Amino acid sequence: MNLSCTLLTCCLSIVFLGLPMAPTRAAADPSAPPAIGIIPTDGENLVVADQLAPNRLLLELSSPVHNWFAGTFTNLPVGQPVTLGFSMTGMDSQGLPADVSKWRGLMPVVTCADPARYESYEWFRKDARGHWISGDPFKTAAERDAGAGPVPEQQVVPAELAAGYLSTDGTYWAPWREVDSTETLTGVNIFRIKQTFNTPTATVAMRVPFTYSYLQAMLARLQARQYPGVTVEEIGATKAGRKLQIIRLDDPEAIAGQPVKTILLIAREHATEPASSWVMSGALAALLRQTPEAKRMRRGTTWLLLPIEDPDGSADCTFDRLTELFLDLPADEATAPELYAYARYFSQYIYRGRTVHIAVSLHNVEANETEQIMCPYINSRDQAQVLQFNQTFFGALTARGFTTGDPQRAWASGFAPFRLFGWCADQFGACALGYEFNDRYPQQRLTLDREQEIGEVLAGSLSHWLATPDGKFICARAEQLTRLKRLERSAHYARAGHTPDGRTHFELIRQGF
């Protein structure tokens, strides 16, 4: 470490934790406890820059990102407050400032469960009989019953600590709970967490993670259940070799030859926004239920769910790897294989005779920028219809006790052909919708089950909307534009002197052919 870095660390030590500057550290005491460390884990980005005292850590983010942090710590002192502090200066990403003023009131979450285990994300609610019922949609009814004890029967948190993860009213349990306290130093862009740990190993995160590893475990359980009409389509691989996957739900009772609508849900265009994946998982759970409402939502409809658009960004904690690529058009497919895999999948879907009627992009804000749900963007072509849908969707959310933004307002309007959902709208006539979710809204933070409930409401609202005059108009227009697109493509290749098998990158991305 050079002199300037050493001085910076010392100065940060004073600002972060209020410690006097020590001239030189004494030699390590062989009898002292081992230094606090970090276990490298999928989707985590905190690293220890310095241990300033047995219970005080100076942290850094492994790469610039303005809206995410997580880390699994080892050798933590137990039974005493530990302070974790880090600066967000220099962590801007894609022109978005890393500004902790957006974190005022932020309460991150902590767990002593192993974040690599699928079961470490399972929540439970008490039913009317006083039994704990698991929220895992892939369990049978009998498997979901976790007993009627003071806490559910589970294996991820030690039994003697499980009561510490109960909700205040004692009716909800999850392996993640909020940290003890936080401090936001807006003047110097520093965030501090104070937490008393009950185990020497624990994970702290800005919000509950939804990692690529968790997705693989979830999809394995989904496939094992062999639901009628449900497939997991593997459409390619990322630069790092991770799978690009789409969950496809067709109507298992569809009649051949009858028209079928398509609704596309996309999460994690911004890879460090895991709340969007939890909302989508809620939509999936709602669609898989064996209820009249679930059957109605799937009737005559294909649902395409993309839980993590950017798997590499999710694993590496990179905010925005793919958003602009439909605009940038990298010529070398090896530099952006995701772009070409998605373009080929959706163009093939269209040219095999289908239509994408609605394309929805899901996101999350940091903490206090907006309410639990808001609409950040409206496609100008569909403004009247989108505002009408927002009125219905936000009304349904309000009826369930959620806090929403103004359904008649958005941060911006226009066209977004450089993003996947906007590209589907621009090329194939889909109605483009975008939503921001905020599970860390300081006035009313959301538990994981409530976060997933938003997905249930979204799926139901979209399905109902298709049957309204506005929904029918959107569908008819998308089908008309898709028919025109197929004619344009046929005419293009009749003139081009080559078949679609030999199409150029420009033809695929820019022209949608």
Protein backbone atom coordinates (compact mmCIF):
# COMPACT_ATOMS: atom_id res chain seq x y z
CA MET A 1 0.00 0.00 0.00
CA ASN A 2 1.43 3.41 -0.97
CA LEU A 3 1.60 6.43 1.35
CA SER A 4 -1.54 8.12 0.01
CA CYS A 5 -3.58 4.94 0.50
CA THR A 6 -2.24 4.54 4.03
CA LEU A 7 -3.19 8.11 4.93
CA LEU A 8 -6.64 7.63 3.38
CA THR A 9 -7.27 4.50 5.45
CA CYS A 10 -6.20 6.26 8.64
CA CYS A 11 -8.42 9.27 7.92
CA LEU A 12 -11.38 7.04 7.10
CA SER A 13 -10.79 5.18 10.34
CA ILE A 14 -11.28 8.43 12.26
CA VAL A 15 -14.39 9.48 10.31
CA PHE A 16 -16.02 6.04 10.22
CA LEU A 17 -15.62 4.97 13.76
CA GLY A 18 -14.45 7.92 15.82
CA LEU A 19 -11.14 6.27 16.72
CA PRO A 20 -7.94 8.09 17.57
CA MET A 21 -5.21 7.67 14.97
CA ALA A 22 -2.65 5.19 16.23
CA PRO A 23 0.89 5.83 14.98
CA THR A 24 1.90 2.19 14.52
CA ARG A 25 0.20 -1.05 15.38
CA ALA A 26 1.82 -3.36 17.87
CA ALA A 27 2.85 -6.83 16.81
CA ALA A 28 -0.04 -9.27 16.67
CA ASP A 29 -0.87 -10.90 19.98
CA PRO A 30 -0.78 -14.68 19.42
CA SER A 31 -3.47 -15.09 22.09
CA ALA A 32 -5.84 -12.59 20.41
CA PRO A 33 -8.89 -13.91 18.57
CA PRO A 34 -8.50 -14.38 14.81
CA ALA A 35 -9.20 -11.39 12.60
CA ILE A 36 -12.71 -11.01 11.19
CA GLY A 37 -12.79 -12.29 7.64
CA ILE A 38 -15.11 -12.53 4.63
CA ILE A 39 -16.25 -15.74 2.93
CA PRO A 40 -16.40 -15.17 -0.85
CA THR A 41 -20.00 -15.86 -1.81
CA ASP A 42 -22.09 -15.53 -4.97
CA GLY A 43 -23.57 -12.04 -5.25
CA GLU A 44 -21.66 -10.47 -2.36
CA ASN A 45 -19.24 -7.55 -2.59
CA LEU A 46 -18.08 -6.42 0.85
CA VAL A 47 -14.40 -6.82 1.72
CA VAL A 48 -12.54 -6.00 4.92
CA ALA A 49 -10.22 -3.04 4.36
CA ASP A 50 -9.04 -2.90 7.96
CA GLN A 51 -9.98 -4.19 11.40
CA LEU A 52 -9.65 -1.13 13.58
CA ALA A 53 -10.55 -2.90 16.82
CA PRO A 54 -11.85 -6.35 17.80
CA ASN A 55 -15.40 -5.12 17.12
CA ARG A 56 -14.88 -2.39 14.51
CA LEU A 57 -14.43 -2.97 10.80
CA LEU A 58 -13.57 -0.65 7.96
CA LEU A 59 -15.14 -2.13 4.83
CA GLU A 60 -14.92 -1.53 1.10
CA LEU A 61 -16.99 -2.58 -1.91
CA SER A 62 -15.14 -4.89 -4.29
CA SER A 63 -16.28 -2.90 -7.35
CA PRO A 64 -18.20 0.34 -7.92
CA VAL A 65 -21.94 -0.10 -7.45
CA HIS A 66 -24.33 2.49 -6.06
CA ASN A 67 -27.23 0.34 -4.85
CA TRP A 68 -26.04 -2.93 -3.33
CA PHE A 69 -23.85 -4.40 -0.61
CA ALA A 70 -23.62 -7.81 1.02
CA GLY A 71 -20.99 -9.86 2.81
CA THR A 72 -20.65 -13.07 4.84
CA PHE A 73 -18.39 -12.50 7.85
CA THR A 74 -16.43 -15.03 9.90
CA ASN A 75 -14.70 -14.85 13.30
CA LEU A 76 -17.19 -12.25 14.50
CA PRO A 77 -17.10 -11.42 18.22
CA VAL A 78 -20.30 -12.76 19.78
CA GLY A 79 -22.50 -10.95 22.29
CA GLN A 80 -21.11 -7.44 21.84
CA PRO A 81 -21.93 -4.64 19.38
CA VAL A 82 -19.88 -4.73 16.18
CA THR A 83 -19.62 -1.65 13.96
CA LEU A 84 -19.35 -2.09 10.19
CA GLY A 85 -18.59 1.12 8.31
CA PHE A 86 -17.90 1.96 4.68
CA SER A 87 -17.78 4.92 2.35
CA MET A 88 -19.75 5.12 -0.89
CA THR A 89 -17.53 7.81 -2.38
CA GLY A 90 -16.34 6.68 -5.81
CA MET A 91 -18.95 3.92 -6.07
CA ASP A 92 -21.05 5.65 -8.77
CA SER A 93 -22.29 3.37 -11.56
CA GLN A 94 -23.61 4.26 -15.02
CA GLY A 95 -23.91 7.91 -14.08
CA LEU A 96 -26.00 7.13 -10.99
CA PRO A 97 -24.47 8.60 -7.83
CA ALA A 98 -23.57 6.41 -4.87
CA ASP A 99 -25.17 8.77 -2.39
CA VAL A 100 -26.06 7.52 1.09
CA SER A 101 -28.62 10.29 1.44
CA LYS A 102 -30.85 7.83 -0.47
CA TRP A 103 -30.24 5.39 2.40
CA ARG A 104 -31.66 7.53 5.20
CA GLY A 105 -33.85 5.16 7.19
CA LEU A 106 -32.38 2.09 5.45
CA MET A 107 -32.43 -1.03 7.62
CA PRO A 108 -30.36 -3.81 6.02
CA VAL A 109 -30.94 -7.46 6.91
CA VAL A 110 -28.83 -10.08 8.68
CA THR A 111 -28.88 -13.86 9.01
CA CYS A 112 -26.85 -16.57 10.68
CA ALA A 113 -28.17 -19.07 8.12
CA ASP A 114 -25.95 -20.21 5.27
CA PRO A 115 -26.79 -17.89 2.34
CA ALA A 116 -25.80 -20.61 -0.12
CA ARG A 117 -28.67 -22.89 1.02
CA TYR A 118 -32.02 -22.75 -0.72
CA GLU A 119 -33.81 -23.22 2.62
CA SER A 120 -32.22 -20.03 3.97
CA TYR A 121 -34.83 -18.05 2.02
CA GLU A 122 -37.91 -19.97 3.18
CA TRP A 123 -40.46 -17.99 5.21
CA PHE A 124 -43.40 -19.17 7.31
CA ARG A 125 -46.78 -17.70 8.30
CA LYS A 126 -49.17 -18.93 11.00
CA ASP A 127 -52.55 -20.06 9.71
CA ALA A 128 -55.90 -19.85 11.50
CA ARG A 129 -55.15 -23.09 13.38
CA GLY A 130 -51.88 -21.72 14.72
CA HIS A 131 -49.75 -23.90 12.43
CA TRP A 132 -46.69 -22.54 10.69
CA ILE A 133 -47.11 -22.83 6.90
CA SER A 134 -44.10 -22.59 4.60
CA GLY A 135 -44.15 -20.17 1.69
CA ASP A 136 -42.17 -22.59 -0.49
CA PRO A 137 -44.42 -23.13 -3.53
CA PHE A 138 -42.67 -26.38 -4.48
CA LYS A 139 -43.65 -28.25 -1.31
CA THR A 140 -46.81 -30.31 -0.98
CA ALA A 141 -49.46 -29.20 1.51
CA ALA A 142 -48.21 -31.74 4.04
CA GLU A 143 -44.60 -30.68 3.58
CA ARG A 144 -45.48 -27.04 4.08
CA ASP A 145 -46.90 -27.61 7.57
CA ALA A 146 -44.05 -26.76 9.98
CA GLY A 147 -45.85 -27.47 13.23
CA ALA A 148 -47.62 -25.38 15.83
CA GLY A 149 -44.68 -24.57 18.08
CA PRO A 150 -43.51 -21.10 19.11
CA VAL A 151 -41.34 -21.08 15.95
CA PRO A 152 -41.59 -23.19 12.80
CA GLU A 153 -39.75 -26.45 12.41
CA GLN A 154 -36.69 -25.53 10.33
CA GLN A 155 -32.99 -26.40 10.07
CA VAL A 156 -31.21 -23.23 8.93
CA VAL A 157 -31.11 -21.23 12.18
CA PRO A 158 -30.03 -22.83 15.49
CA ALA A 159 -33.10 -23.68 17.57
CA GLU A 160 -31.93 -21.55 20.48
CA LEU A 161 -31.74 -18.49 18.21
CA ALA A 162 -34.87 -19.04 16.11
CA ALA A 163 -37.10 -16.85 18.30
CA GLY A 164 -34.93 -13.87 17.38
CA TYR A 165 -36.24 -14.08 13.81
CA LEU A 166 -39.93 -13.84 14.71
CA SER A 167 -42.00 -10.85 13.67
CA THR A 168 -43.18 -8.53 16.44
CA ASP A 169 -46.69 -10.02 16.39
CA GLY A 170 -45.33 -13.59 16.37
CA THR A 171 -47.15 -14.65 13.18
CA TYR A 172 -44.29 -14.50 10.66
CA TRP A 173 -40.85 -16.11 10.66
CA ALA A 174 -38.00 -15.86 8.17
CA PRO A 175 -34.25 -16.54 8.44
CA TRP A 176 -33.52 -12.86 7.67
CA ARG A 177 -34.19 -10.03 10.10
CA GLU A 178 -33.28 -6.37 10.25
CA VAL A 179 -29.98 -5.26 11.76
CA ASP A 180 -29.97 -3.59 15.18
CA SER A 181 -29.25 -0.02 14.07
CA THR A 182 -27.70 2.09 11.32
CA GLU A 183 -26.21 5.53 10.87
CA THR A 184 -26.17 7.50 7.63
CA LEU A 185 -23.51 10.21 7.48
CA THR A 186 -24.68 12.12 4.42
CA GLY A 187 -22.06 14.85 4.70
CA VAL A 188 -19.19 12.40 4.18
CA ASN A 189 -21.13 9.70 2.25
CA ILE A 190 -20.58 7.02 4.87
CA PHE A 191 -22.91 4.26 6.08
CA ARG A 192 -22.50 2.41 9.36
CA ILE A 193 -24.20 -0.65 10.79
CA LYS A 194 -24.14 -1.63 14.44
CA GLN A 195 -25.06 -5.24 15.14
CA THR A 196 -24.68 -7.68 18.03
CA PHE A 197 -24.07 -11.08 16.52
CA ASN A 198 -25.12 -14.34 18.18
CA THR A 199 -22.92 -16.52 16.00
CA PRO A 200 -19.35 -16.04 14.73
CA THR A 201 -20.50 -16.37 11.11
CA ALA A 202 -23.25 -14.18 9.70
CA THR A 203 -24.34 -12.46 6.49
CA VAL A 204 -25.33 -8.79 6.23
CA ALA A 205 -27.01 -7.46 3.08
CA MET A 206 -28.76 -4.31 1.91
CA ARG A 207 -31.90 -6.40 1.29
CA VAL A 208 -32.56 -10.13 1.03
CA PRO A 209 -30.34 -11.47 -1.79
CA PHE A 210 -31.63 -13.44 -4.76
CA THR A 211 -28.51 -15.00 -6.24
CA TYR A 212 -27.79 -16.97 -9.38
CA SER A 213 -27.04 -19.97 -7.15
CA TYR A 214 -30.41 -19.63 -5.46
CA LEU A 215 -32.09 -19.43 -8.87
CA GLN A 216 -30.49 -22.73 -9.93
CA ALA A 217 -31.76 -24.42 -6.76
CA MET A 218 -35.21 -22.94 -7.30
CA LEU A 219 -35.37 -24.07 -10.93
CA ALA A 220 -34.26 -27.59 -9.98
CA ARG A 221 -37.23 -27.83 -7.61
CA LEU A 222 -39.56 -26.36 -10.20
CA GLN A 223 -38.51 -28.94 -12.79
CA ALA A 224 -38.71 -31.80 -10.30
CA ARG A 225 -42.40 -31.07 -9.71
CA GLN A 226 -43.16 -31.50 -13.44
CA TYR A 227 -46.02 -29.00 -13.49
CA PRO A 228 -48.20 -29.32 -16.61
CA GLY A 229 -47.28 -26.75 -19.22
CA VAL A 230 -44.19 -25.52 -17.34
CA THR A 231 -40.71 -25.69 -18.87
CA VAL A 232 -37.35 -24.07 -18.14
CA GLU A 233 -35.81 -23.01 -21.43
CA GLU A 234 -32.05 -22.69 -21.52
CA ILE A 235 -31.40 -20.27 -24.35
CA GLY A 236 -27.66 -19.67 -24.12
CA ALA A 237 -24.84 -18.86 -21.75
CA THR A 238 -23.14 -15.76 -20.39
CA LYS A 239 -19.56 -14.77 -21.02
CA ALA A 240 -18.61 -16.52 -17.78
CA GLY A 241 -20.56 -19.65 -18.73
CA ARG A 242 -23.66 -19.15 -16.56
CA LYS A 243 -26.99 -20.27 -17.96
CA LEU A 244 -29.49 -17.90 -19.55
CA GLN A 245 -32.87 -19.28 -18.56
CA ILE A 246 -36.51 -18.44 -19.15
CA ILE A 247 -39.40 -20.03 -17.28
CA ARG A 248 -42.22 -20.71 -19.72
CA LEU A 249 -45.75 -21.39 -18.53
CA ASP A 250 -48.18 -22.45 -21.26
CA ASP A 251 -51.85 -23.05 -20.67
CA PRO A 252 -52.01 -26.82 -19.96
CA GLU A 253 -55.63 -26.82 -21.15
CA ALA A 254 -55.01 -24.84 -24.33
CA ILE A 255 -56.96 -25.90 -27.40
CA ALA A 256 -54.96 -26.13 -30.61
CA GLY A 257 -55.64 -23.29 -33.01
CA GLN A 258 -57.09 -20.90 -30.45
CA PRO A 259 -55.33 -17.53 -30.01
CA VAL A 260 -52.83 -17.29 -27.17
CA LYS A 261 -51.61 -14.13 -25.45
CA THR A 262 -48.02 -13.74 -24.20
CA ILE A 263 -46.92 -11.81 -21.11
CA LEU A 264 -43.18 -11.36 -20.58
CA LEU A 265 -41.78 -10.47 -17.13
CA ILE A 266 -38.11 -9.45 -16.88
CA ALA A 267 -36.16 -9.01 -13.63
CA ARG A 268 -32.59 -7.93 -13.00
CA GLU A 269 -31.88 -5.90 -16.09
CA HIS A 270 -30.02 -4.03 -13.37
CA ALA A 271 -28.27 -6.97 -11.79
CA THR A 272 -27.93 -5.49 -8.28
CA GLU A 273 -31.69 -5.11 -7.77
CA PRO A 274 -32.72 -8.44 -6.19
CA ALA A 275 -36.14 -7.24 -4.99
CA SER A 276 -37.29 -7.47 -8.62
CA SER A 277 -36.50 -11.21 -8.65
CA TRP A 278 -38.45 -11.76 -5.42
CA VAL A 279 -41.46 -9.99 -6.92
CA MET A 280 -41.20 -12.25 -9.96
CA SER A 281 -40.95 -15.35 -7.77
CA GLY A 282 -44.22 -14.25 -6.19
CA ALA A 283 -45.82 -14.07 -9.63
CA LEU A 284 -44.52 -17.55 -10.42
CA ALA A 285 -45.88 -18.98 -7.17
CA ALA A 286 -49.30 -17.46 -7.88
CA LEU A 287 -49.38 -18.92 -11.40
CA LEU A 288 -48.44 -22.40 -10.17
CA ARG A 289 -51.25 -22.70 -7.64
CA GLN A 290 -54.01 -25.19 -8.27
CA THR A 291 -56.75 -22.62 -7.75
CA PRO A 292 -59.49 -21.20 -9.99
CA GLU A 293 -57.69 -17.83 -10.06
CA ALA A 294 -54.39 -19.41 -11.16
CA LYS A 295 -56.17 -21.39 -13.86
CA ARG A 296 -57.87 -18.21 -15.04
CA MET A 297 -54.51 -16.36 -15.21
CA ARG A 298 -52.99 -19.13 -17.32
CA ARG A 299 -56.02 -19.67 -19.56
CA GLY A 300 -55.20 -18.76 -23.14
CA THR A 301 -51.89 -17.20 -22.04
CA THR A 302 -48.20 -18.01 -22.21
CA TRP A 303 -46.13 -16.45 -19.43
CA LEU A 304 -42.40 -15.96 -20.04
CA LEU A 305 -40.49 -15.23 -16.82
CA LEU A 306 -36.86 -14.12 -16.90
CA PRO A 307 -35.77 -14.10 -13.21
CA ILE A 308 -32.20 -12.79 -13.73
CA GLU A 309 -31.52 -11.11 -17.05
CA ASP A 310 -27.85 -10.56 -16.18
CA PRO A 311 -26.47 -13.61 -14.31
CA ASP A 312 -22.84 -12.46 -14.50
CA GLY A 313 -23.73 -9.03 -13.16
CA SER A 314 -25.69 -10.67 -10.35
CA ALA A 315 -22.76 -12.88 -9.35
CA ASP A 316 -20.16 -10.11 -9.70
CA CYS A 317 -22.32 -7.31 -8.22
CA THR A 318 -22.18 -5.18 -11.37
CA PHE A 319 -25.12 -2.81 -11.69
CA ASP A 320 -25.53 -2.30 -15.42
CA ARG A 321 -23.81 -4.58 -17.91
CA LEU A 322 -26.58 -5.22 -20.44
CA THR A 323 -28.93 -2.25 -20.46
CA GLU A 324 -27.35 -0.31 -23.34
CA LEU A 325 -26.20 -3.26 -25.43
CA PHE A 326 -29.16 -3.23 -27.81
CA LEU A 327 -27.98 0.29 -28.67
CA ASP A 328 -24.24 -0.40 -28.68
CA LEU A 329 -24.45 -3.46 -30.97
CA PRO A 330 -21.12 -5.14 -30.15
CA ALA A 331 -19.92 -6.89 -33.28
CA ASP A 332 -18.13 -9.67 -31.40
CA GLU A 333 -20.74 -12.00 -29.93
CA ALA A 334 -18.22 -13.32 -27.42
CA THR A 335 -18.19 -9.93 -25.67
CA ALA A 336 -21.96 -9.90 -25.16
CA PRO A 337 -23.44 -13.37 -25.74
CA GLU A 338 -26.51 -12.48 -23.65
CA LEU A 339 -27.57 -9.80 -26.13
CA TYR A 340 -27.61 -12.16 -29.09
CA ALA A 341 -29.14 -15.06 -27.14
CA TYR A 342 -32.11 -12.92 -26.06
CA ALA A 343 -32.55 -11.38 -29.51
CA ARG A 344 -32.52 -14.78 -31.18
CA TYR A 345 -34.95 -16.26 -28.67
CA PHE A 346 -37.56 -13.55 -29.01
CA SER A 347 -37.22 -13.14 -32.76
CA GLN A 348 -37.61 -16.92 -33.13
CA TYR A 349 -40.68 -16.75 -30.88
CA ILE A 350 -42.21 -14.10 -33.13
CA TYR A 351 -41.35 -15.69 -36.45
CA ARG A 352 -42.78 -19.03 -35.36
CA GLY A 353 -46.14 -17.33 -35.26
CA ARG A 354 -46.43 -15.96 -31.73
CA THR A 355 -46.83 -12.40 -30.38
CA VAL A 356 -45.40 -10.79 -27.25
CA HIS A 357 -48.33 -8.67 -26.10
CA ILE A 358 -46.93 -7.22 -22.86
CA ALA A 359 -43.27 -6.86 -21.76
CA VAL A 360 -42.68 -5.80 -18.16
CA SER A 361 -39.33 -4.77 -16.68
CA LEU A 362 -39.01 -5.02 -12.87
CA HIS A 363 -36.58 -3.00 -10.75
CA ASN A 364 -35.95 -1.82 -7.20
CA VAL A 365 -34.86 1.51 -5.73
CA GLU A 366 -32.45 1.85 -2.82
CA ALA A 367 -34.49 3.00 0.19
CA ASN A 368 -36.20 6.38 0.46
CA GLU A 369 -36.54 7.62 -3.12
CA THR A 370 -40.12 6.46 -3.52
CA GLU A 371 -42.94 4.37 -2.12
CA GLN A 372 -43.17 0.58 -2.15
CA ILE A 373 -44.29 0.55 -5.78
CA MET A 374 -44.11 3.19 -8.48
CA CYS A 375 -44.00 3.51 -12.26
CA PRO A 376 -40.71 5.10 -13.39
CA TYR A 377 -41.28 5.03 -17.15
CA ILE A 378 -44.12 5.03 -19.67
CA ASN A 379 -43.80 4.13 -23.32
CA SER A 380 -45.16 7.17 -25.14
CA ARG A 381 -47.01 5.05 -27.70
CA ASP A 382 -49.04 3.36 -24.94
CA GLN A 383 -49.35 6.20 -22.45
CA ALA A 384 -53.15 6.27 -22.17
CA GLN A 385 -53.43 2.51 -21.78
CA VAL A 386 -50.53 2.23 -19.32
CA LEU A 387 -51.95 4.95 -17.09
CA GLN A 388 -55.26 3.12 -17.04
CA PHE A 389 -53.52 -0.14 -16.13
CA ASN A 390 -51.55 1.61 -13.38
CA GLN A 391 -54.80 2.88 -11.92
CA THR A 392 -56.07 -0.69 -11.68
CA PHE A 393 -52.77 -2.25 -10.55
CA PHE A 394 -52.01 0.37 -7.90
CA GLY A 395 -55.60 0.23 -6.70
CA ALA A 396 -55.31 -3.53 -6.15
CA LEU A 397 -52.06 -3.00 -4.25
CA THR A 398 -53.57 -0.28 -2.07
CA ALA A 399 -56.45 -2.59 -1.23
CA ARG A 400 -53.89 -5.04 0.17
CA GLY A 401 -52.20 -2.41 2.32
CA PHE A 402 -49.27 -1.47 0.07
CA THR A 403 -48.10 2.12 -0.37
CA THR A 404 -47.86 3.22 -4.00
CA GLY A 405 -46.79 6.24 -5.96
CA ASP A 406 -49.19 8.28 -8.06
CA PRO A 407 -50.57 5.91 -10.73
CA GLN A 408 -50.90 8.83 -13.15
CA ARG A 409 -47.24 9.91 -12.97
CA ALA A 410 -43.86 8.55 -13.98
CA TRP A 411 -40.27 9.74 -13.81
CA ALA A 412 -39.97 9.66 -17.59
CA SER A 413 -41.73 8.76 -20.82
CA GLY A 414 -40.45 7.97 -24.28
CA PHE A 415 -38.97 4.90 -25.95
CA ALA A 416 -36.34 2.45 -24.71
CA PRO A 417 -35.28 0.24 -27.64
CA PHE A 418 -31.84 -0.21 -26.06
CA ARG A 419 -33.39 -2.29 -23.23
CA LEU A 420 -34.76 -5.81 -23.69
CA PHE A 421 -38.37 -4.99 -22.82
CA GLY A 422 -38.20 -1.81 -24.91
CA TRP A 423 -36.63 -3.71 -27.79
CA CYS A 424 -39.57 -6.14 -27.75
CA ALA A 425 -41.89 -3.13 -27.83
CA ASP A 426 -39.99 -1.34 -30.59
CA GLN A 427 -39.47 -4.36 -32.83
CA PHE A 428 -42.59 -6.44 -32.24
CA GLY A 429 -45.26 -4.09 -30.88
CA ALA A 430 -45.38 -5.30 -27.26
CA CYS A 431 -46.78 -2.93 -24.64
CA ALA A 432 -43.79 -1.94 -22.48
CA LEU A 433 -44.31 -1.53 -18.73
CA GLY A 434 -41.76 -0.73 -16.03
CA TYR A 435 -42.01 -0.75 -12.23
CA GLU A 436 -39.80 0.06 -9.27
CA PHE A 437 -40.28 -1.77 -5.98
CA ASN A 438 -39.03 -0.69 -2.57
CA ASP A 439 -39.03 -3.38 0.11
CA ARG A 440 -36.80 -1.14 2.27
CA TYR A 441 -39.22 1.82 2.24
CA PRO A 442 -38.42 3.36 5.66
CA GLN A 443 -42.05 4.14 6.51
CA GLN A 444 -43.20 0.56 5.88
CA ARG A 445 -40.55 -2.05 5.14
CA LEU A 446 -41.69 -5.29 3.55
CA THR A 447 -41.15 -8.84 4.69
CA LEU A 448 -40.21 -11.38 2.05
CA ASP A 449 -43.73 -12.81 1.85
CA ARG A 450 -45.22 -9.34 1.31
CA GLU A 451 -42.62 -8.64 -1.36
CA GLN A 452 -43.70 -11.77 -3.20
CA GLU A 453 -47.33 -10.81 -2.73
CA ILE A 454 -46.69 -7.83 -5.02
CA GLY A 455 -45.83 -10.34 -7.76
CA GLU A 456 -49.11 -12.13 -7.17
CA VAL A 457 -51.02 -8.85 -7.52
CA LEU A 458 -49.04 -7.93 -10.64
CA ALA A 459 -49.78 -11.25 -12.35
CA GLY A 460 -53.46 -11.03 -11.49
CA SER A 461 -53.74 -7.42 -12.63
CA LEU A 462 -52.03 -8.11 -15.97
CA SER A 463 -54.24 -11.11 -16.63
CA HIS A 464 -57.42 -9.20 -15.82
CA TRP A 465 -56.27 -6.25 -17.93
CA LEU A 466 -56.10 -8.38 -21.07
CA ALA A 467 -59.89 -8.77 -20.92
CA THR A 468 -60.60 -5.02 -20.62
CA PRO A 469 -61.16 -2.74 -23.64
CA ASP A 470 -57.68 -1.22 -23.11
CA GLY A 471 -56.11 -4.67 -22.86
CA LYS A 472 -57.90 -5.89 -25.96
CA PHE A 473 -56.75 -2.80 -27.84
CA ILE A 474 -53.14 -3.41 -26.76
CA CYS A 475 -53.34 -7.05 -27.83
CA ALA A 476 -54.94 -6.32 -31.20
CA ARG A 477 -52.36 -3.67 -31.98
CA ALA A 478 -49.45 -5.94 -30.96
CA GLU A 479 -50.79 -8.69 -33.21
CA GLN A 480 -51.19 -6.28 -36.11
CA LEU A 481 -47.66 -4.91 -35.71
CA THR A 482 -46.28 -8.44 -35.45
CA ARG A 483 -48.02 -9.45 -38.69
CA LEU A 484 -46.51 -6.41 -40.41
CA LYS A 485 -43.11 -7.31 -39.00
CA ARG A 486 -43.30 -10.80 -40.46
CA LEU A 487 -44.19 -9.36 -43.88
CA GLU A 488 -41.30 -6.88 -43.67
CA ARG A 489 -38.91 -9.68 -42.76
CA SER A 490 -40.03 -11.86 -45.69
CA ALA A 491 -39.65 -8.97 -48.12
CA HIS A 492 -36.25 -8.09 -46.67
CA TYR A 493 -34.78 -11.57 -47.12
CA ALA A 494 -36.30 -11.88 -50.59
CA ARG A 495 -34.14 -8.87 -51.51
CA ALA A 496 -31.11 -9.59 -49.34
CA GLY A 497 -29.80 -12.56 -51.29
CA HIS A 498 -29.39 -14.72 -48.17
CA THR A 499 -31.65 -16.55 -45.74
CA PRO A 500 -32.29 -15.71 -42.06
CA ASP A 501 -29.73 -18.37 -41.17
CA GLY A 502 -27.08 -16.02 -42.55
CA ARG A 503 -28.39 -12.83 -41.02
CA THR A 504 -26.01 -10.17 -39.88
CA HIS A 505 -25.84 -8.70 -36.39
CA PHE A 506 -27.40 -5.52 -37.76
CA GLU A 507 -30.32 -7.44 -39.25
CA LEU A 508 -30.94 -9.29 -35.99
CA ILE A 509 -30.56 -6.44 -33.49
CA ARG A 510 -31.32 -3.22 -35.35
CA GLN A 511 -34.00 -4.54 -37.68
CA GLY A 512 -35.36 -7.36 -35.52
CA PHE A 513 -35.12 -9.76 -38.47
